[in-house]
């Protein structure tokens, strides 16, 4: 027990230091948390001269914390999901979102085919490179002062479409991966997932009064326990049934978001999300052997170039479709480049659900490197977007 407590203390301090350094250089904390796990974890590099760097092992406690990180990332994604905003301009949102999906998911499938990935693993890879990071992008929008500009509507609308679609894709892919090779097993898994998620969707749509009543307690302690307990229980039951726990948490978030407690949930449960999300990213680093990046270096280089270009191109098309100027449309494309938390979630689900899938270890290694590069590349590109887009003219 003493050893576990020491390791937890090291993990939290490492996360704090990494986050502070990231803030100092104006970068996302996500790659910093991953690198913290790499540095103090059991994989290479294990030492610097005589100094032993292996300070934290892959403990079961951290594994549970990482799982809760996935759950609460998706819970808050659902909490912030607004059906009203989705339906405010449905034609334009559908056009922009469909373009973003076809271009970027299609490029992902092309990269997977080029490097010989099996079809199911290739679908997971395409999902990984398709979805932009809601956390990194929205944080950068606020920091850069773009949130009041017209391009933010296109960027946020695209993120909403991606978040909704990736929830559907994950539920299907996870069900197929858990279903094994038999057609009946796959159909059974997909049917179970669909039934469970439809039940959650019904609760999200019609159960608001009951959720409202459950959360109507004065003490923040009880409020936190009800919110965390409900989300964790539903996610656990989903996992028992072979349904993605992350997608289940997404629907719980939607149900909670329809109540009058949205801002209180942000204030009271938000720190819990931040803690477990940090553990999730840290755990990714713990399991990452950076020497394995050499094995996926060509795949990584091709994917970074291809998907950065495709995301900018689809963003420009979306901005022009919305009626923005060429300069603002180019800023839309640049603003969607960062990848982050949900790419890692997809890779984690592929590793967990796809025990029978080929090349999942390679996929996981690739994803960590990909997120590290794209999160830094995206935030730096947004920082210098005004200078980079000046050549196209216009406002």
Protein backbone atom coordinates (compact mmCIF):
# COMPACT_ATOMS: atom_id res chain seq x y z
CA UNK A 1 0.00 0.00 0.00
CA UNK A 2 2.81 2.39 0.87
CA UNK A 3 4.42 1.83 -2.52
CA UNK A 4 1.14 2.54 -4.31
CA UNK A 5 0.67 5.79 -2.39
CA UNK A 6 4.22 6.89 -3.22
CA UNK A 7 3.64 6.15 -6.92
CA UNK A 8 0.35 8.05 -6.90
CA UNK A 9 2.08 11.01 -5.28
CA UNK A 10 4.82 10.91 -7.94
CA UNK A 11 2.18 10.68 -10.68
CA UNK A 12 0.21 13.70 -9.43
CA UNK A 13 3.35 15.80 -8.93
CA UNK A 14 4.62 14.86 -12.38
CA UNK A 15 1.28 15.88 -13.87
CA UNK A 16 1.33 19.18 -12.01
CA UNK A 17 4.86 20.01 -13.17
CA UNK A 18 4.10 18.98 -16.76
CA UNK A 19 0.92 21.06 -16.84
CA UNK A 20 2.74 24.09 -15.43
CA UNK A 21 5.48 23.80 -18.07
CA UNK A 22 2.88 23.48 -20.84
CA UNK A 23 1.10 26.60 -19.60
CA UNK A 24 4.42 28.46 -19.49
CA UNK A 25 5.06 27.80 -23.19
CA UNK A 26 1.39 28.31 -24.15
CA UNK A 27 0.77 24.72 -25.22
CA UNK A 28 -2.00 22.20 -24.58
CA UNK A 29 -1.56 20.14 -21.42
CA UNK A 30 -2.49 16.92 -23.24
CA UNK A 31 0.91 16.18 -24.80
CA UNK A 32 2.58 17.37 -21.58
CA UNK A 33 0.62 14.83 -19.52
CA UNK A 34 1.50 12.04 -21.97
CA UNK A 35 5.19 12.95 -21.89
CA UNK A 36 5.10 12.99 -18.08
CA UNK A 37 3.93 9.38 -18.16
CA UNK A 38 6.67 8.49 -20.63
CA UNK A 39 9.38 10.06 -18.46
CA UNK A 40 8.49 8.46 -15.11
CA UNK A 41 6.99 5.23 -16.52
CA UNK A 42 8.49 1.75 -16.87
CA UNK A 43 9.36 2.02 -20.57
CA UNK A 44 12.39 3.63 -22.19
CA UNK A 45 13.98 5.99 -21.30
CA UNK A 46 14.48 4.27 -17.95
CA UNK A 47 17.35 6.40 -16.69
CA UNK A 48 19.42 9.50 -17.27
CA UNK A 49 22.97 8.58 -16.31
CA UNK A 50 22.83 7.25 -12.75
CA UNK A 51 19.33 8.65 -12.13
CA UNK A 52 16.56 6.03 -12.30
CA UNK A 53 13.47 7.45 -14.04
CA UNK A 54 11.21 4.44 -13.49
CA UNK A 55 9.14 5.92 -10.68
CA UNK A 56 5.61 4.78 -11.56
CA UNK A 57 4.44 1.34 -12.68
CA UNK A 58 1.24 0.46 -14.51
CA UNK A 59 -0.90 -0.10 -11.41
CA UNK A 60 -4.52 -1.22 -11.37
CA UNK A 61 -5.51 1.95 -9.52
CA UNK A 62 -4.15 4.13 -12.30
CA UNK A 63 -5.91 1.87 -14.81
CA UNK A 64 -9.26 2.47 -13.13
CA UNK A 65 -8.52 6.20 -12.97
CA UNK A 66 -7.73 6.21 -16.68
CA UNK A 67 -11.02 4.44 -17.43
CA UNK A 68 -12.88 7.08 -15.41
CA UNK A 69 -11.01 9.71 -17.40
CA UNK A 70 -12.47 8.36 -20.64
CA UNK A 71 -15.94 8.22 -19.09
CA UNK A 72 -15.92 11.80 -17.82
CA UNK A 73 -14.39 13.24 -20.97
CA UNK A 74 -17.36 11.84 -22.90
CA UNK A 75 -19.80 12.78 -20.14
CA UNK A 76 -18.81 16.43 -20.41
CA UNK A 77 -18.89 16.21 -24.18
CA UNK A 78 -22.54 15.16 -23.89
CA UNK A 79 -23.15 17.82 -21.25
CA UNK A 80 -21.97 20.53 -23.63
CA UNK A 81 -23.84 19.04 -26.59
CA UNK A 82 -26.76 21.24 -27.58
CA UNK A 83 -29.52 19.71 -29.72
CA UNK A 84 -30.88 23.23 -30.23
CA UNK A 85 -27.60 24.43 -31.67
CA UNK A 86 -27.40 21.34 -33.87
CA UNK A 87 -30.83 22.04 -35.31
CA UNK A 88 -30.46 25.84 -35.58
CA UNK A 89 -28.90 25.68 -39.06
CA UNK A 90 -29.24 22.00 -39.93
CA UNK A 91 -28.61 22.24 -43.69
CA UNK A 92 -25.37 24.15 -43.37
CA UNK A 93 -24.17 22.08 -40.43
CA UNK A 94 -24.94 18.87 -42.28
CA UNK A 95 -23.09 20.09 -45.38
CA UNK A 96 -20.02 21.22 -43.45
CA UNK A 97 -19.97 18.12 -41.24
CA UNK A 98 -20.45 15.73 -44.13
CA UNK A 99 -17.63 17.38 -46.08
CA UNK A 100 -15.35 17.19 -43.05
CA UNK A 101 -16.19 13.51 -42.56
CA UNK A 102 -15.92 12.39 -46.18
CA UNK A 103 -12.59 14.15 -46.74
CA UNK A 104 -10.82 13.31 -43.48
CA UNK A 105 -12.25 9.86 -42.78
CA UNK A 106 -11.61 9.03 -46.43
CA UNK A 107 -7.97 10.15 -46.16
CA UNK A 108 -7.67 8.02 -43.02
CA UNK A 109 -8.97 4.98 -44.87
CA UNK A 110 -6.51 5.70 -47.68
CA UNK A 111 -3.58 5.86 -45.25
CA UNK A 112 -4.72 2.62 -43.58
CA UNK A 113 -4.99 0.87 -46.95
CA UNK A 114 -1.59 2.22 -48.06
CA UNK A 115 0.07 0.67 -45.00
CA UNK A 116 -1.83 -2.61 -45.20
CA UNK A 117 -4.01 -2.38 -42.10
CA UNK A 118 -6.87 -4.92 -41.84
CA UNK A 119 -10.27 -3.40 -42.53
CA UNK A 120 -11.47 -3.18 -38.90
CA UNK A 121 -8.20 -1.74 -37.58
CA UNK A 122 -8.21 0.60 -40.57
CA UNK A 123 -11.64 1.91 -39.58
CA UNK A 124 -10.33 2.67 -36.09
CA UNK A 125 -7.32 4.44 -37.64
CA UNK A 126 -9.59 6.51 -39.88
CA UNK A 127 -11.64 7.49 -36.81
CA UNK A 128 -8.47 8.51 -34.97
CA UNK A 129 -7.27 10.88 -37.68
CA UNK A 130 -10.77 12.17 -38.50
CA UNK A 131 -11.83 13.83 -35.27
CA UNK A 132 -10.42 17.15 -34.11
CA UNK A 133 -9.79 17.80 -30.43
CA UNK A 134 -12.76 19.63 -28.88
CA UNK A 135 -10.71 20.42 -25.76
CA UNK A 136 -7.66 21.81 -27.56
CA UNK A 137 -9.62 23.67 -30.25
CA UNK A 138 -12.15 25.34 -27.94
CA UNK A 139 -9.40 26.33 -25.47
CA UNK A 140 -7.37 27.83 -28.33
CA UNK A 141 -10.43 29.69 -29.66
CA UNK A 142 -10.81 31.45 -26.32
CA UNK A 143 -7.09 32.14 -25.93
CA UNK A 144 -6.72 33.49 -29.48
CA UNK A 145 -9.87 35.62 -29.17
CA UNK A 146 -11.55 33.89 -32.13
CA UNK A 147 -14.63 32.84 -30.18
CA UNK A 148 -16.46 36.08 -31.07
CA UNK A 149 -15.50 35.86 -34.75
CA UNK A 150 -17.79 34.34 -37.42
CA UNK A 151 -15.38 31.47 -38.15
CA UNK A 152 -15.94 30.15 -34.63
CA UNK A 153 -19.52 29.20 -35.60
CA UNK A 154 -18.20 26.97 -38.38
CA UNK A 155 -15.47 25.48 -36.19
CA UNK A 156 -17.81 24.76 -33.27
CA UNK A 157 -20.52 23.46 -35.58
CA UNK A 158 -18.02 21.06 -37.15
CA UNK A 159 -16.91 19.90 -33.69
CA UNK A 160 -20.53 19.24 -32.69
CA UNK A 161 -21.09 17.18 -35.84
CA UNK A 162 -17.84 15.24 -35.26
CA UNK A 163 -18.65 14.58 -31.61
CA UNK A 164 -22.11 13.24 -32.43
CA UNK A 165 -20.91 11.14 -35.35
CA UNK A 166 -17.90 9.70 -33.52
CA UNK A 167 -20.23 8.51 -30.74
CA UNK A 168 -22.20 6.52 -33.33
CA UNK A 169 -19.04 5.23 -35.04
CA UNK A 170 -17.50 4.13 -31.73
CA UNK A 171 -20.62 2.26 -30.66
CA UNK A 172 -20.69 0.35 -33.95
CA UNK A 173 -16.95 -0.36 -34.13
CA UNK A 174 -16.79 -1.48 -30.51
CA UNK A 175 -19.78 -3.77 -30.98
CA UNK A 176 -18.22 -5.28 -34.11
CA UNK A 177 -14.84 -5.75 -32.40
CA UNK A 178 -16.43 -7.41 -29.39
CA UNK A 179 -18.63 -9.51 -31.61
CA UNK A 180 -15.68 -11.53 -32.89
CA UNK A 181 -15.65 -13.09 -36.31
CA UNK A 182 -19.16 -14.59 -36.58
CA UNK A 183 -21.84 -12.63 -38.40
CA UNK A 184 -24.51 -13.54 -35.83
CA UNK A 185 -22.25 -12.50 -32.95
CA UNK A 186 -21.57 -9.18 -34.63
CA UNK A 187 -25.29 -8.58 -35.30
CA UNK A 188 -26.10 -9.51 -31.71
CA UNK A 189 -23.48 -7.08 -30.38
CA UNK A 190 -24.67 -4.27 -32.64
CA UNK A 191 -28.31 -4.96 -31.71
CA UNK A 192 -27.53 -4.93 -27.99
CA UNK A 193 -25.57 -1.70 -28.34
CA UNK A 194 -28.37 -0.09 -30.34
CA UNK A 195 -31.04 -1.10 -27.81
CA UNK A 196 -29.02 0.12 -24.86
CA UNK A 197 -28.16 3.44 -26.51
CA UNK A 198 -31.77 3.95 -27.63
CA UNK A 199 -32.85 3.47 -24.01
CA UNK A 200 -30.28 6.06 -22.90
CA UNK A 201 -31.41 8.41 -25.67
CA UNK A 202 -35.02 8.05 -24.47
CA UNK A 203 -33.94 8.92 -20.93
CA UNK A 204 -32.00 11.91 -22.29
CA UNK A 205 -35.09 13.06 -24.20
CA UNK A 206 -37.87 12.34 -21.70
CA UNK A 207 -36.24 11.75 -18.32
CA UNK A 208 -35.22 15.33 -17.56
CA UNK A 209 -37.69 15.81 -14.66
CA UNK A 210 -36.36 12.71 -12.88
CA UNK A 211 -32.72 13.69 -13.41
CA UNK A 212 -33.59 17.21 -12.26
CA UNK A 213 -35.12 15.85 -9.07
CA UNK A 214 -32.13 13.62 -8.32
CA UNK A 215 -29.70 16.52 -8.66
CA UNK A 216 -31.80 18.96 -6.63
CA UNK A 217 -29.74 18.73 -3.44
CA UNK A 218 -28.17 21.65 -1.61
CA UNK A 219 -24.89 20.06 -0.57
CA UNK A 220 -22.24 20.01 -3.32
CA UNK A 221 -20.89 16.78 -1.82
CA UNK A 222 -24.17 14.95 -2.43
CA UNK A 223 -24.53 16.58 -5.84
CA UNK A 224 -21.08 15.30 -6.82
CA UNK A 225 -21.81 11.79 -5.54
CA UNK A 226 -25.10 11.54 -7.44
CA UNK A 227 -23.56 12.79 -10.69
CA UNK A 228 -20.42 10.68 -10.51
CA UNK A 229 -22.24 7.61 -9.22
CA UNK A 230 -24.91 7.67 -11.93
CA UNK A 231 -22.42 8.21 -14.74
CA UNK A 232 -20.04 5.50 -13.52
CA UNK A 233 -22.86 2.99 -12.94
CA UNK A 234 -24.37 3.47 -16.40
CA UNK A 235 -20.93 3.27 -18.03
CA UNK A 236 -20.16 0.08 -16.11
CA UNK A 237 -23.46 -1.53 -17.10
CA UNK A 238 -22.78 -0.58 -20.72
CA UNK A 239 -19.40 -2.31 -20.56
CA UNK A 240 -21.02 -5.45 -19.11
CA UNK A 241 -23.38 -5.52 -22.10
CA UNK A 242 -20.54 -5.06 -24.58
CA UNK A 243 -21.41 -1.43 -25.31
CA UNK A 244 -18.85 1.37 -25.34
CA UNK A 245 -18.78 2.86 -21.85
CA UNK A 246 -17.59 6.15 -23.35
CA UNK A 247 -20.63 6.43 -25.63
CA UNK A 248 -22.93 5.55 -22.72
CA UNK A 249 -21.35 8.35 -20.68
CA UNK A 250 -21.94 10.70 -23.62
CA UNK A 251 -25.68 10.03 -23.49
CA UNK A 252 -25.74 10.44 -19.70
CA UNK A 253 -24.12 13.83 -20.24
CA UNK A 254 -26.82 14.79 -22.74
CA UNK A 255 -29.52 13.83 -20.20
CA UNK A 256 -27.85 15.87 -17.45
CA UNK A 257 -27.28 18.79 -19.83
CA UNK A 258 -31.04 19.21 -20.37
CA UNK A 259 -31.54 20.09 -16.69
CA UNK A 260 -31.06 23.44 -14.98
CA UNK A 261 -27.88 22.15 -13.33
CA UNK A 262 -25.50 22.44 -16.28
CA UNK A 263 -23.40 25.24 -14.79
CA UNK A 264 -23.31 23.58 -11.38
CA UNK A 265 -22.15 20.34 -12.99
CA UNK A 266 -19.34 22.27 -14.69
CA UNK A 267 -18.30 23.84 -11.39
CA UNK A 268 -18.67 20.84 -9.07
CA UNK A 269 -17.90 17.84 -11.31
CA UNK A 270 -15.45 19.64 -13.62
CA UNK A 271 -12.43 19.17 -11.29
CA UNK A 272 -13.21 15.44 -11.10
CA UNK A 273 -13.12 15.25 -14.89
CA UNK A 274 -9.85 17.17 -15.01
CA UNK A 275 -8.24 14.85 -12.45
CA UNK A 276 -9.25 11.60 -14.13
CA UNK A 277 -8.59 12.95 -17.63
CA UNK A 278 -5.05 13.83 -16.54
CA UNK A 279 -4.62 10.27 -15.24
CA UNK A 280 -5.89 8.93 -18.57
CA UNK A 281 -3.33 10.87 -20.58
CA UNK A 282 -0.62 10.01 -18.05
CA UNK A 283 -1.49 6.30 -18.34
CA UNK A 284 -1.15 6.55 -22.12
CA UNK A 285 2.40 7.75 -21.53
CA UNK A 286 3.08 4.94 -19.04
CA UNK A 287 2.31 2.33 -21.70
CA UNK A 288 4.24 4.10 -24.46
CA UNK A 289 7.69 2.98 -25.51
CA UNK A 290 9.09 5.96 -27.40
CA UNK A 291 11.64 3.73 -29.12
CA UNK A 292 8.68 2.14 -30.92
CA UNK A 293 8.01 5.46 -32.66
CA UNK A 294 10.80 4.52 -35.05
CA UNK A 295 8.71 1.55 -36.20
CA UNK A 296 5.79 3.82 -37.14
CA UNK A 297 7.80 6.86 -38.24
CA UNK A 298 6.89 6.57 -41.94
CA UNK A 299 3.21 5.97 -41.14
CA UNK A 300 3.29 8.89 -38.73
CA UNK A 301 4.93 11.26 -41.23
CA UNK A 302 2.48 10.37 -44.00
CA UNK A 303 -0.56 10.64 -41.72
CA UNK A 304 0.50 14.00 -40.25
CA UNK A 305 1.05 15.60 -43.65
CA UNK A 306 -2.00 14.04 -45.34
CA UNK A 307 -4.48 14.74 -42.53
CA UNK A 308 -3.22 18.25 -41.78
CA UNK A 309 -3.71 19.16 -45.43
CA UNK A 310 -7.09 17.39 -45.64
CA UNK A 311 -8.39 19.06 -42.47
CA UNK A 312 -7.37 22.51 -43.70
CA UNK A 313 -8.94 21.79 -47.10
CA UNK A 314 -12.24 20.57 -45.64
CA UNK A 315 -12.29 23.53 -43.23
CA UNK A 316 -11.79 26.00 -46.07
CA UNK A 317 -14.61 24.33 -47.99
CA UNK A 318 -16.84 24.53 -44.93
CA UNK A 319 -16.06 28.19 -44.37
CA UNK A 320 -16.80 29.08 -47.98
CA UNK A 321 -20.04 27.09 -47.78
CA UNK A 322 -21.01 29.23 -44.77
CA UNK A 323 -20.32 32.35 -46.83
CA UNK A 324 -17.11 33.40 -45.07
CA UNK A 325 -14.25 35.16 -46.80
CA UNK A 326 -11.27 33.18 -48.04
CA UNK A 327 -9.15 34.38 -45.13
CA UNK A 328 -11.71 33.42 -42.49
CA UNK A 329 -12.33 30.12 -44.24
CA UNK A 330 -8.62 29.37 -44.10
CA UNK A 331 -8.70 30.13 -40.37
CA UNK A 332 -11.50 27.57 -40.03
CA UNK A 333 -9.25 24.94 -41.60
CA UNK A 334 -6.28 25.86 -39.42
CA UNK A 335 -8.49 25.88 -36.33
CA UNK A 336 -9.57 22.27 -36.87
CA UNK A 337 -6.06 20.80 -37.23
CA UNK A 338 -5.42 19.87 -33.55
CA UNK A 339 -6.12 16.27 -32.57
CA UNK A 340 -6.17 15.16 -28.97
CA UNK A 341 -8.26 13.45 -26.34
CA UNK A 342 -10.79 11.62 -28.50
CA UNK A 343 -8.18 10.21 -30.85
CA UNK A 344 -6.61 8.65 -27.75
CA UNK A 345 -10.02 7.44 -26.57
CA UNK A 346 -10.62 5.71 -29.90
CA UNK A 347 -7.18 4.04 -29.75
CA UNK A 348 -7.81 2.96 -26.16
CA UNK A 349 -11.15 1.41 -27.11
CA UNK A 350 -9.52 -0.34 -30.07
CA UNK A 351 -6.91 -1.88 -27.77
CA UNK A 352 -9.47 -2.88 -25.14
CA UNK A 353 -12.26 -4.10 -27.40
CA UNK A 354 -10.22 -5.52 -30.23
CA UNK A 355 -8.26 -8.34 -28.63
CA UNK A 356 -8.78 -10.32 -31.83
CA UNK A 357 -7.85 -7.39 -34.08
CA UNK A 358 -4.47 -7.28 -35.79
CA UNK A 359 -1.88 -4.52 -35.29
CA UNK A 360 -3.61 -2.77 -32.37
CA UNK A 361 -0.28 -2.25 -30.59
CA UNK A 362 1.05 -0.49 -33.67
CA UNK A 363 -2.14 1.56 -33.82
CA UNK A 364 -1.77 2.62 -30.18
CA UNK A 365 1.86 3.68 -30.66
CA UNK A 366 0.98 5.58 -33.79
CA UNK A 367 -1.89 7.39 -32.05
CA UNK A 368 0.28 8.68 -29.22
CA UNK A 369 2.85 10.05 -31.65
CA UNK A 370 0.13 11.44 -33.89
CA UNK A 371 -1.60 13.29 -31.05
CA UNK A 372 1.69 14.68 -29.74
CA UNK A 373 2.55 16.09 -33.17
CA UNK A 374 -0.91 17.28 -34.20
CA UNK A 375 -1.80 18.95 -30.90
CA UNK A 376 1.43 20.96 -30.96
CA UNK A 377 1.25 21.63 -34.71
CA UNK A 378 -2.39 22.72 -34.47
CA UNK A 379 -1.95 25.10 -31.55
CA UNK A 380 1.17 26.67 -33.07
CA UNK A 381 -0.64 27.06 -36.42
CA UNK A 382 -3.55 28.80 -34.70
CA UNK A 383 -1.15 31.12 -32.88
CA UNK A 384 0.35 32.32 -36.17
CA UNK A 385 -2.82 31.98 -38.25
CA UNK A 386 -3.22 35.72 -38.82
CA UNK A 387 0.25 35.99 -40.34
CA UNK A 388 -0.20 32.74 -42.27
CA UNK A 389 -3.55 33.77 -43.76
CA UNK A 390 -2.62 37.38 -44.60
CA UNK A 391 -1.56 36.45 -48.13
CA UNK A 392 -5.13 35.53 -49.17
CA UNK A 393 -6.39 39.05 -48.41
CA UNK A 394 -9.80 40.08 -47.15
CA UNK A 395 -11.10 40.33 -43.61
